[in-house]
Amino acid sequence: MSQSHAISAGAQPEIAPCRDRIEEQIIRAYVRLALAPDQTGGLRTITLTQFGALEIRLTEVSGASEATPFPPFWVEIYSHESSCVIDSCGCFEFDEDELTAAVDLVVDAQRHQPVLN
């Protein structure tokens, strides 16, 4: 049995971000980091996507060692309006839990984009 859902004249249907696409973008950026040149301070950064004034990027801190308690990879939400990282998620090896957390970060940023700018 099919059901019809009416949308009121002023309501807009919510467009959910595609989690699979975001995960794919993160994985592709992770692979592309190997070819990216080092930037100032030994960082390498790849932009995944941009929406509005927000840029989603993956940054690798080169020189991080296993003895360091900080993750070498960071999925960052960068605001061009404030010129700073407004949220981030650190990852050691992008296992299932880390990848899920990174995707959640991006999904939240997309859903709250007007508020985060």
C-alpha atoms as a PDB file:
ATOM      1  CA  MET A   1       0.000   0.000   0.000  1.00  0.00           C
ATOM      2  CA  SER A   2       1.514   3.327  -1.000  1.00  0.00           C
ATOM      3  CA  GLN A   3       1.030   6.462   1.014  1.00  0.00           C
ATOM      4  CA  SER A   4       1.013  10.002  -0.226  1.00  0.00           C
ATOM      5  CA  HIS A   5       2.727  12.649   1.846  1.00  0.00           C
ATOM      6  CA  ALA A   6       1.579  16.180   1.235  1.00  0.00           C
ATOM      7  CA  ILE A   7       3.977  19.035   1.868  1.00  0.00           C
ATOM      8  CA  SER A   8       2.459  22.277   3.053  1.00  0.00           C
ATOM      9  CA  ALA A   9       2.929  25.273   0.784  1.00  0.00           C
ATOM     10  CA  GLY A  10       5.658  26.862   2.944  1.00  0.00           C
ATOM     11  CA  ALA A  11       7.502  23.681   3.952  1.00  0.00           C
ATOM     12  CA  GLN A  12      10.635  22.501   2.213  1.00  0.00           C
ATOM     13  CA  PRO A  13      11.555  18.813   2.249  1.00  0.00           C
ATOM     14  CA  GLU A  14      14.873  18.197   4.016  1.00  0.00           C
ATOM     15  CA  ILE A  15      17.560  16.937   1.674  1.00  0.00           C
ATOM     16  CA  ALA A  16      19.696  14.463   3.586  1.00  0.00           C
ATOM     17  CA  PRO A  17      23.397  14.394   2.748  1.00  0.00           C
ATOM     18  CA  CYS A  18      24.475  11.150   1.117  1.00  0.00           C
ATOM     19  CA  ARG A  19      26.625   9.376   3.716  1.00  0.00           C
ATOM     20  CA  ASP A  20      28.091   6.974   1.144  1.00  0.00           C
ATOM     21  CA  ARG A  21      29.213   9.855  -1.066  1.00  0.00           C
ATOM     22  CA  ILE A  22      30.808  11.665   1.872  1.00  0.00           C
ATOM     23  CA  GLU A  23      32.627   8.488   2.914  1.00  0.00           C
ATOM     24  CA  GLU A  24      33.880   8.046  -0.648  1.00  0.00           C
ATOM     25  CA  GLN A  25      35.134  11.656  -0.720  1.00  0.00           C
ATOM     26  CA  ILE A  26      37.062  11.122   2.525  1.00  0.00           C
ATOM     27  CA  ILE A  27      38.658   7.910   1.276  1.00  0.00           C
ATOM     28  CA  ARG A  28      39.620   9.502  -2.055  1.00  0.00           C
ATOM     29  CA  ALA A  29      41.124  12.504  -0.254  1.00  0.00           C
ATOM     30  CA  TYR A  30      43.101  10.141   1.990  1.00  0.00           C
ATOM     31  CA  VAL A  31      44.619   8.487  -1.106  1.00  0.00           C
ATOM     32  CA  ARG A  32      45.289  11.857  -2.793  1.00  0.00           C
ATOM     33  CA  LEU A  33      47.180  13.093   0.273  1.00  0.00           C
ATOM     34  CA  ALA A  34      50.072  10.791  -0.674  1.00  0.00           C
ATOM     35  CA  LEU A  35      50.598  12.883  -3.822  1.00  0.00           C
ATOM     36  CA  ALA A  36      50.005  16.291  -2.268  1.00  0.00           C
ATOM     37  CA  PRO A  37      53.027  18.521  -1.635  1.00  0.00           C
ATOM     38  CA  ASP A  38      53.887  19.546   1.911  1.00  0.00           C
ATOM     39  CA  GLN A  39      52.635  22.976   2.863  1.00  0.00           C
ATOM     40  CA  THR A  40      53.869  25.380   5.496  1.00  0.00           C
ATOM     41  CA  GLY A  41      54.499  23.628   8.787  1.00  0.00           C
ATOM     42  CA  GLY A  42      54.645  20.140   7.281  1.00  0.00           C
ATOM     43  CA  LEU A  43      50.912  19.919   6.609  1.00  0.00           C
ATOM     44  CA  ARG A  44      49.200  18.484   3.556  1.00  0.00           C
ATOM     45  CA  THR A  45      45.590  19.387   2.843  1.00  0.00           C
ATOM     46  CA  ILE A  46      43.026  18.170   0.326  1.00  0.00           C
ATOM     47  CA  THR A  47      39.621  19.836  -0.096  1.00  0.00           C
ATOM     48  CA  LEU A  48      36.751  17.343  -0.151  1.00  0.00           C
ATOM     49  CA  THR A  49      33.928  19.746  -0.909  1.00  0.00           C
ATOM     50  CA  GLN A  50      32.679  23.247  -0.279  1.00  0.00           C
ATOM     51  CA  PHE A  51      29.185  24.491   0.426  1.00  0.00           C
ATOM     52  CA  GLY A  52      28.413  28.076   1.174  1.00  0.00           C
ATOM     53  CA  ALA A  53      31.313  29.603   3.073  1.00  0.00           C
ATOM     54  CA  LEU A  54      32.292  26.230   4.536  1.00  0.00           C
ATOM     55  CA  GLU A  55      35.040  24.023   3.154  1.00  0.00           C
ATOM     56  CA  ILE A  56      35.446  20.390   4.175  1.00  0.00           C
ATOM     57  CA  ARG A  57      39.033  19.280   4.018  1.00  0.00           C
ATOM     58  CA  LEU A  58      41.351  16.486   5.058  1.00  0.00           C
ATOM     59  CA  THR A  59      44.670  17.515   6.566  1.00  0.00           C
ATOM     60  CA  GLU A  60      47.643  15.318   7.340  1.00  0.00           C
ATOM     61  CA  VAL A  61      50.193  16.413   9.895  1.00  0.00           C
ATOM     62  CA  SER A  62      53.424  15.023   8.498  1.00  0.00           C
ATOM     63  CA  GLY A  63      56.008  14.058  11.028  1.00  0.00           C
ATOM     64  CA  ALA A  64      53.440  12.621  13.441  1.00  0.00           C
ATOM     65  CA  SER A  65      54.779   9.444  14.983  1.00  0.00           C
ATOM     66  CA  GLU A  66      53.270   6.499  16.776  1.00  0.00           C
ATOM     67  CA  ALA A  67      54.654   7.922  20.025  1.00  0.00           C
ATOM     68  CA  THR A  68      52.526  11.052  19.544  1.00  0.00           C
ATOM     69  CA  PRO A  69      49.054  10.825  21.105  1.00  0.00           C
ATOM     70  CA  PHE A  70      47.597  13.106  18.418  1.00  0.00           C
ATOM     71  CA  PRO A  71      46.052  11.722  15.236  1.00  0.00           C
ATOM     72  CA  PRO A  72      47.958  12.430  12.008  1.00  0.00           C
ATOM     73  CA  PHE A  73      44.760  12.978   9.968  1.00  0.00           C
ATOM     74  CA  TRP A  74      42.078  15.590  10.550  1.00  0.00           C
ATOM     75  CA  VAL A  75      38.752  16.084   8.783  1.00  0.00           C
ATOM     76  CA  GLU A  76      38.153  19.797   9.215  1.00  0.00           C
ATOM     77  CA  ILE A  77      35.251  22.169   8.744  1.00  0.00           C
ATOM     78  CA  TYR A  78      36.852  25.445   7.655  1.00  0.00           C
ATOM     79  CA  SER A  79      34.902  28.700   7.537  1.00  0.00           C
ATOM     80  CA  HIS A  80      35.995  31.194   4.900  1.00  0.00           C
ATOM     81  CA  GLU A  81      33.969  33.874   6.678  1.00  0.00           C
ATOM     82  CA  SER A  82      35.886  33.557   9.948  1.00  0.00           C
ATOM     83  CA  SER A  83      39.103  32.214   8.337  1.00  0.00           C
ATOM     84  CA  CYS A  84      39.437  29.397  10.829  1.00  0.00           C
ATOM     85  CA  VAL A  85      38.664  25.744  11.469  1.00  0.00           C
ATOM     86  CA  ILE A  86      35.350  25.643  13.330  1.00  0.00           C
ATOM     87  CA  ASP A  87      35.216  21.886  13.956  1.00  0.00           C
ATOM     88  CA  SER A  88      37.381  18.856  13.320  1.00  0.00           C
ATOM     89  CA  CYS A  89      37.690  15.130  13.834  1.00  0.00           C
ATOM     90  CA  GLY A  90      41.054  13.419  14.305  1.00  0.00           C
ATOM     91  CA  CYS A  91      41.769   9.990  12.816  1.00  0.00           C
ATOM     92  CA  PHE A  92      44.671   7.574  13.129  1.00  0.00           C
ATOM     93  CA  GLU A  93      43.905   5.076  10.351  1.00  0.00           C
ATOM     94  CA  PHE A  94      40.301   5.602   9.190  1.00  0.00           C
ATOM     95  CA  ASP A  95      38.988   2.370  10.659  1.00  0.00           C
ATOM     96  CA  GLU A  96      35.214   1.899  10.622  1.00  0.00           C
ATOM     97  CA  ASP A  97      34.579   3.925  13.800  1.00  0.00           C
ATOM     98  CA  GLU A  98      36.819   6.811  12.759  1.00  0.00           C
ATOM     99  CA  LEU A  99      35.331   6.961   9.279  1.00  0.00           C
ATOM    100  CA  THR A 100      31.811   6.987  10.744  1.00  0.00           C
ATOM    101  CA  ALA A 101      32.770   9.844  13.087  1.00  0.00           C
ATOM    102  CA  ALA A 102      34.270  11.818  10.187  1.00  0.00           C
ATOM    103  CA  VAL A 103      31.148  11.311   8.054  1.00  0.00           C
ATOM    104  CA  ASP A 104      28.960  12.384  11.005  1.00  0.00           C
ATOM    105  CA  LEU A 105      31.010  15.579  11.312  1.00  0.00           C
ATOM    106  CA  VAL A 106      30.442  16.448   7.648  1.00  0.00           C
ATOM    107  CA  VAL A 107      26.726  15.563   7.766  1.00  0.00           C
ATOM    108  CA  ASP A 108      26.251  17.807  10.813  1.00  0.00           C
ATOM    109  CA  ALA A 109      28.087  20.662   9.104  1.00  0.00           C
ATOM    110  CA  GLN A 110      25.910  20.353   6.009  1.00  0.00           C
ATOM    111  CA  ARG A 111      22.710  20.269   8.048  1.00  0.00           C
ATOM    112  CA  HIS A 112      23.704  23.294  10.138  1.00  0.00           C
ATOM    113  CA  GLN A 113      25.554  25.198   7.420  1.00  0.00           C
ATOM    114  CA  PRO A 114      23.635  28.493   7.734  1.00  0.00           C
ATOM    115  CA  VAL A 115      24.219  28.497  11.517  1.00  0.00           C
ATOM    116  CA  LEU A 116      27.948  27.652  11.254  1.00  0.00           C
ATOM    117  CA  ASN A 117      28.935  30.416   8.829  1.00  0.00           C
END
